[in-house]
Amino acid sequence: MKALPKNLLLLLLAGFTIAACSKKDDAGTLNQDVAIPDAAGNRESVAIGGYPTVELLTSRGRIVIELYDDKAPANVRNFLAYVDSGHYDNTIFHRVVDNLLIQGGSFTPDYRIKAERGFVGSESGNGLRNERGTVAAVRRLNDADSAGSQFFINLVDNPQFDFVSSADAGSRGYTVFGRVVEGMEVLDAVRGVPTKAREGVSEAVPVQPIIIKQAQKQD
């Protein structure tokens, strides 16, 4: 199989610091469908099962993420550790690219980067795909085992970010560990916001900050 195009991989890593600048398949256990509207008002079926969920209270609205701890246990544990520590509170979505993704997890509204815990290994071969609404771990370009605190949410289906069986770490895809089950309308409302390049942050920083006020695990 062909390696992922280098320019597409570079998109995810543009402007990162060295520390971060990182459907459920048929065998899964999801068992309940809900309908979530997309940008055009169409309703998409999203499965919800007995998984842990995290609520992001943002300056633009509420987002709920379901975490697939059976498919990406290490990355889910890592994400929840950052949630529990308050790391994501008062951070921003520092990269918004329409028809691609929205990314956050480490920068404060004044563009300082928060310290990270360390790196987590890749679980990109878990059968989960980078489909619209899924949440994946950001990592370095040529190091598949370098996920930190940053994550991205796919605004569209992005098969170019999926796992490819290869010895080349740069082509092993990005680990999907969750899915937005509430709040896609919030993401669709901000996907086309004005952005600008900011050195050391990204090439598509929202002009008006989109702030994660609080991240908390739901009971």
Protein backbone atom coordinates (compact mmCIF):
# COMPACT_ATOMS: atom_id res chain seq x y z
CA MET A 1 0.00 0.00 0.00
CA LYS A 2 1.16 3.55 -0.68
CA ALA A 3 2.47 5.75 2.12
CA LEU A 4 0.42 8.76 3.14
CA PRO A 5 1.20 11.84 1.02
CA LYS A 6 3.92 13.83 2.74
CA ASN A 7 2.16 17.16 2.26
CA LEU A 8 -0.96 15.89 4.02
CA LEU A 9 1.08 14.61 6.95
CA LEU A 10 2.87 17.94 7.18
CA LEU A 11 -0.51 19.67 7.53
CA LEU A 12 -1.00 18.19 10.97
CA LEU A 13 2.42 19.16 12.22
CA ALA A 14 2.76 22.69 10.82
CA GLY A 15 3.96 25.12 13.45
CA PHE A 16 4.23 22.69 16.36
CA THR A 17 6.83 22.88 19.10
CA ILE A 18 9.03 19.82 19.63
CA ALA A 19 6.95 18.67 22.60
CA ALA A 20 3.51 18.59 20.99
CA CYS A 21 3.87 19.37 17.50
CA SER A 22 2.39 16.10 17.35
CA LYS A 23 -17.22 3.75 12.80
CA LYS A 24 -16.48 1.83 15.10
CA ASP A 25 -15.72 -1.39 13.19
CA ASP A 26 -17.98 -4.41 12.99
CA ALA A 27 -16.26 -6.05 15.94
CA GLY A 28 -17.18 -3.17 18.25
CA THR A 29 -19.87 -3.01 20.88
CA LEU A 30 -21.69 0.20 19.99
CA ASN A 31 -25.39 -0.41 20.24
CA GLN A 32 -27.41 2.79 20.05
CA ASP A 33 -27.82 5.25 17.18
CA VAL A 34 -28.54 8.94 17.46
CA ALA A 35 -28.78 11.51 14.69
CA ILE A 36 -26.44 14.51 14.63
CA PRO A 37 -26.96 17.32 12.09
CA ASP A 38 -24.13 18.27 9.77
CA ALA A 39 -23.38 21.71 8.32
CA ALA A 40 -26.06 21.32 5.65
CA GLY A 41 -28.70 20.22 8.14
CA ASN A 42 -28.54 16.57 7.16
CA ARG A 43 -28.62 14.12 10.02
CA GLU A 44 -25.85 11.61 10.46
CA SER A 45 -26.16 8.39 12.42
CA VAL A 46 -23.66 8.23 15.28
CA ALA A 47 -23.43 5.21 17.54
CA ILE A 48 -23.28 5.54 21.31
CA GLY A 49 -22.44 2.69 23.66
CA GLY A 50 -21.26 2.19 27.24
CA TYR A 51 -18.06 4.16 26.86
CA PRO A 52 -16.60 6.93 29.03
CA THR A 53 -17.45 10.42 27.82
CA VAL A 54 -15.82 13.81 28.27
CA GLU A 55 -17.61 17.14 28.04
CA LEU A 56 -15.81 20.14 26.56
CA LEU A 57 -17.40 23.44 27.56
CA THR A 58 -16.18 25.89 24.95
CA SER A 59 -16.69 29.56 24.19
CA ARG A 60 -18.85 28.47 21.24
CA GLY A 61 -20.88 25.72 22.87
CA ARG A 62 -20.83 22.24 24.39
CA ILE A 63 -19.09 19.23 22.84
CA VAL A 64 -19.27 15.65 24.17
CA ILE A 65 -16.68 13.07 23.15
CA GLU A 66 -17.13 9.33 23.55
CA LEU A 67 -13.85 7.49 24.25
CA TYR A 68 -13.13 4.03 22.84
CA ASP A 69 -11.10 2.57 25.67
CA ASP A 70 -11.38 -0.93 24.23
CA LYS A 71 -9.76 0.08 20.94
CA ALA A 72 -7.22 2.69 22.07
CA PRO A 73 -6.70 2.10 25.82
CA ALA A 74 -3.35 3.88 26.12
CA ASN A 75 -4.48 6.97 24.25
CA VAL A 76 -7.77 7.12 26.16
CA ARG A 77 -5.92 6.85 29.48
CA ASN A 78 -3.60 9.61 28.34
CA PHE A 79 -6.48 11.88 27.31
CA LEU A 80 -8.37 11.27 30.55
CA ALA A 81 -5.25 11.99 32.61
CA TYR A 82 -5.03 15.40 30.96
CA VAL A 83 -8.75 15.94 31.57
CA ASP A 84 -8.48 14.97 35.25
CA SER A 85 -5.47 17.22 35.79
CA GLY A 86 -7.25 20.25 34.33
CA HIS A 87 -4.72 20.52 31.53
CA TYR A 88 -7.33 21.29 28.88
CA ASP A 89 -9.07 23.98 30.93
CA ASN A 90 -8.51 27.43 29.42
CA THR A 91 -6.82 26.13 26.28
CA ILE A 92 -7.76 26.94 22.71
CA PHE A 93 -8.44 25.24 19.43
CA HIS A 94 -5.33 26.69 17.85
CA ARG A 95 -5.82 25.28 14.37
CA VAL A 96 -9.01 25.31 12.29
CA VAL A 97 -8.89 24.16 8.67
CA ASP A 98 -12.26 24.05 6.91
CA ASN A 99 -12.99 20.74 5.20
CA LEU A 100 -10.22 19.07 7.19
CA LEU A 101 -9.95 19.34 10.99
CA ILE A 102 -9.99 21.38 14.17
CA GLN A 103 -7.10 20.92 16.59
CA GLY A 104 -6.31 21.80 20.18
CA GLY A 105 -4.98 20.55 23.47
CA SER A 106 -1.92 22.54 24.51
CA PHE A 107 -2.03 26.31 23.85
CA THR A 108 -3.49 28.91 26.19
CA PRO A 109 -5.41 31.94 24.83
CA ASP A 110 -2.18 33.97 25.00
CA TYR A 111 -0.40 31.26 22.98
CA ARG A 112 1.72 29.80 25.72
CA ILE A 113 2.14 26.04 25.49
CA LYS A 114 1.36 23.91 28.52
CA ALA A 115 3.82 21.27 29.68
CA GLU A 116 3.05 17.72 28.61
CA ARG A 117 3.30 14.41 30.45
CA GLY A 118 5.31 12.55 27.82
CA PHE A 119 4.63 10.47 24.74
CA VAL A 120 2.14 7.65 24.12
CA GLY A 121 2.55 4.84 21.62
CA SER A 122 0.52 4.52 18.44
CA GLU A 123 -2.69 2.49 18.38
CA SER A 124 -3.59 3.55 14.85
CA GLY A 125 -4.05 -0.05 13.72
CA ASN A 126 -7.11 -0.49 15.95
CA GLY A 127 -9.64 -0.58 13.09
CA LEU A 128 -11.06 2.89 13.77
CA ARG A 129 -10.98 5.32 10.86
CA ASN A 130 -10.57 9.07 10.62
CA GLU A 131 -14.19 9.70 9.73
CA ARG A 132 -16.16 12.89 10.24
CA GLY A 133 -16.59 13.55 13.95
CA THR A 134 -13.87 11.20 15.14
CA VAL A 135 -11.16 12.36 17.53
CA ALA A 136 -7.52 11.41 16.98
CA ALA A 137 -4.17 11.95 18.65
CA VAL A 138 -1.68 14.42 17.16
CA ARG A 139 1.89 13.21 16.86
CA ARG A 140 5.20 14.10 15.24
CA LEU A 141 5.60 13.60 11.52
CA ASN A 142 8.13 10.77 11.59
CA ASP A 143 7.42 9.27 15.01
CA ALA A 144 4.21 7.27 15.28
CA ASP A 145 4.77 6.79 19.02
CA SER A 146 4.84 10.46 20.00
CA ALA A 147 1.26 11.40 20.90
CA GLY A 148 0.98 13.97 23.67
CA SER A 149 -1.82 16.24 24.83
CA GLN A 150 -2.91 17.56 21.45
CA PHE A 151 -5.85 16.07 19.58
CA PHE A 152 -7.80 16.82 16.45
CA ILE A 153 -11.41 16.36 15.41
CA ASN A 154 -12.08 15.36 11.82
CA LEU A 155 -14.52 17.78 10.19
CA VAL A 156 -14.85 15.47 7.16
CA ASP A 157 -13.85 11.92 6.33
CA ASN A 158 -10.03 11.93 6.17
CA PRO A 159 -8.93 8.50 4.93
CA GLN A 160 -5.45 9.93 4.22
CA PHE A 161 -4.87 9.91 8.00
CA ASP A 162 -5.84 6.24 8.46
CA PHE A 163 -3.51 3.43 9.43
CA VAL A 164 -1.34 1.92 6.71
CA SER A 165 0.51 -1.31 7.40
CA SER A 166 4.09 -0.22 6.96
CA ALA A 167 7.45 -0.21 8.68
CA ASP A 168 7.65 3.50 7.96
CA ALA A 169 6.51 5.34 11.12
CA GLY A 170 5.53 8.35 9.04
CA SER A 171 2.88 6.36 7.18
CA ARG A 172 1.23 4.57 10.10
CA GLY A 173 -1.62 7.01 10.35
CA TYR A 174 -3.11 8.78 13.37
CA THR A 175 -4.75 7.00 16.30
CA VAL A 176 -8.50 7.48 16.51
CA PHE A 177 -9.60 7.16 20.14
CA GLY A 178 -13.01 8.81 20.27
CA ARG A 179 -15.93 10.42 18.50
CA VAL A 180 -18.01 13.54 19.00
CA VAL A 181 -21.51 12.40 19.98
CA GLU A 182 -22.90 15.82 20.86
CA GLY A 183 -21.89 19.20 19.50
CA MET A 184 -20.91 18.64 15.87
CA GLU A 185 -23.09 21.67 15.13
CA VAL A 186 -20.69 23.70 17.30
CA LEU A 187 -17.73 22.53 15.25
CA ASP A 188 -19.54 23.13 11.96
CA ALA A 189 -20.33 26.68 13.08
CA VAL A 190 -16.64 27.50 13.58
CA ARG A 191 -15.03 25.51 10.78
CA GLY A 192 -15.00 28.52 8.46
CA VAL A 193 -13.92 31.20 10.93
CA PRO A 194 -11.23 33.68 9.83
CA THR A 195 -7.74 32.41 10.62
CA LYS A 196 -4.18 33.66 10.36
CA ALA A 197 -0.72 32.18 10.56
CA ARG A 198 1.09 32.55 13.86
CA GLU A 199 4.70 31.47 14.14
CA GLY A 200 5.23 28.62 16.58
CA VAL A 201 1.52 27.85 16.79
CA SER A 202 -0.02 26.96 13.41
CA GLU A 203 -0.77 28.24 9.94
CA ALA A 204 -4.51 28.54 10.70
CA VAL A 205 -5.05 30.12 14.12
CA PRO A 206 -8.59 31.50 14.61
CA VAL A 207 -8.51 35.31 14.74
CA GLN A 208 -11.09 35.18 17.52
CA PRO A 209 -9.91 32.53 20.02
CA ILE A 210 -12.09 29.44 20.43
CA ILE A 211 -11.56 28.55 24.07
CA ILE A 212 -12.03 25.25 25.88
CA LYS A 213 -13.20 26.69 29.19
CA GLN A 214 -13.39 23.32 30.92
CA ALA A 215 -13.00 19.64 30.12
CA GLN A 216 -14.60 17.17 32.48
CA LYS A 217 -15.38 13.48 32.54
CA GLN A 218 -19.10 12.70 32.69
CA ASP A 219 -20.56 10.18 35.13
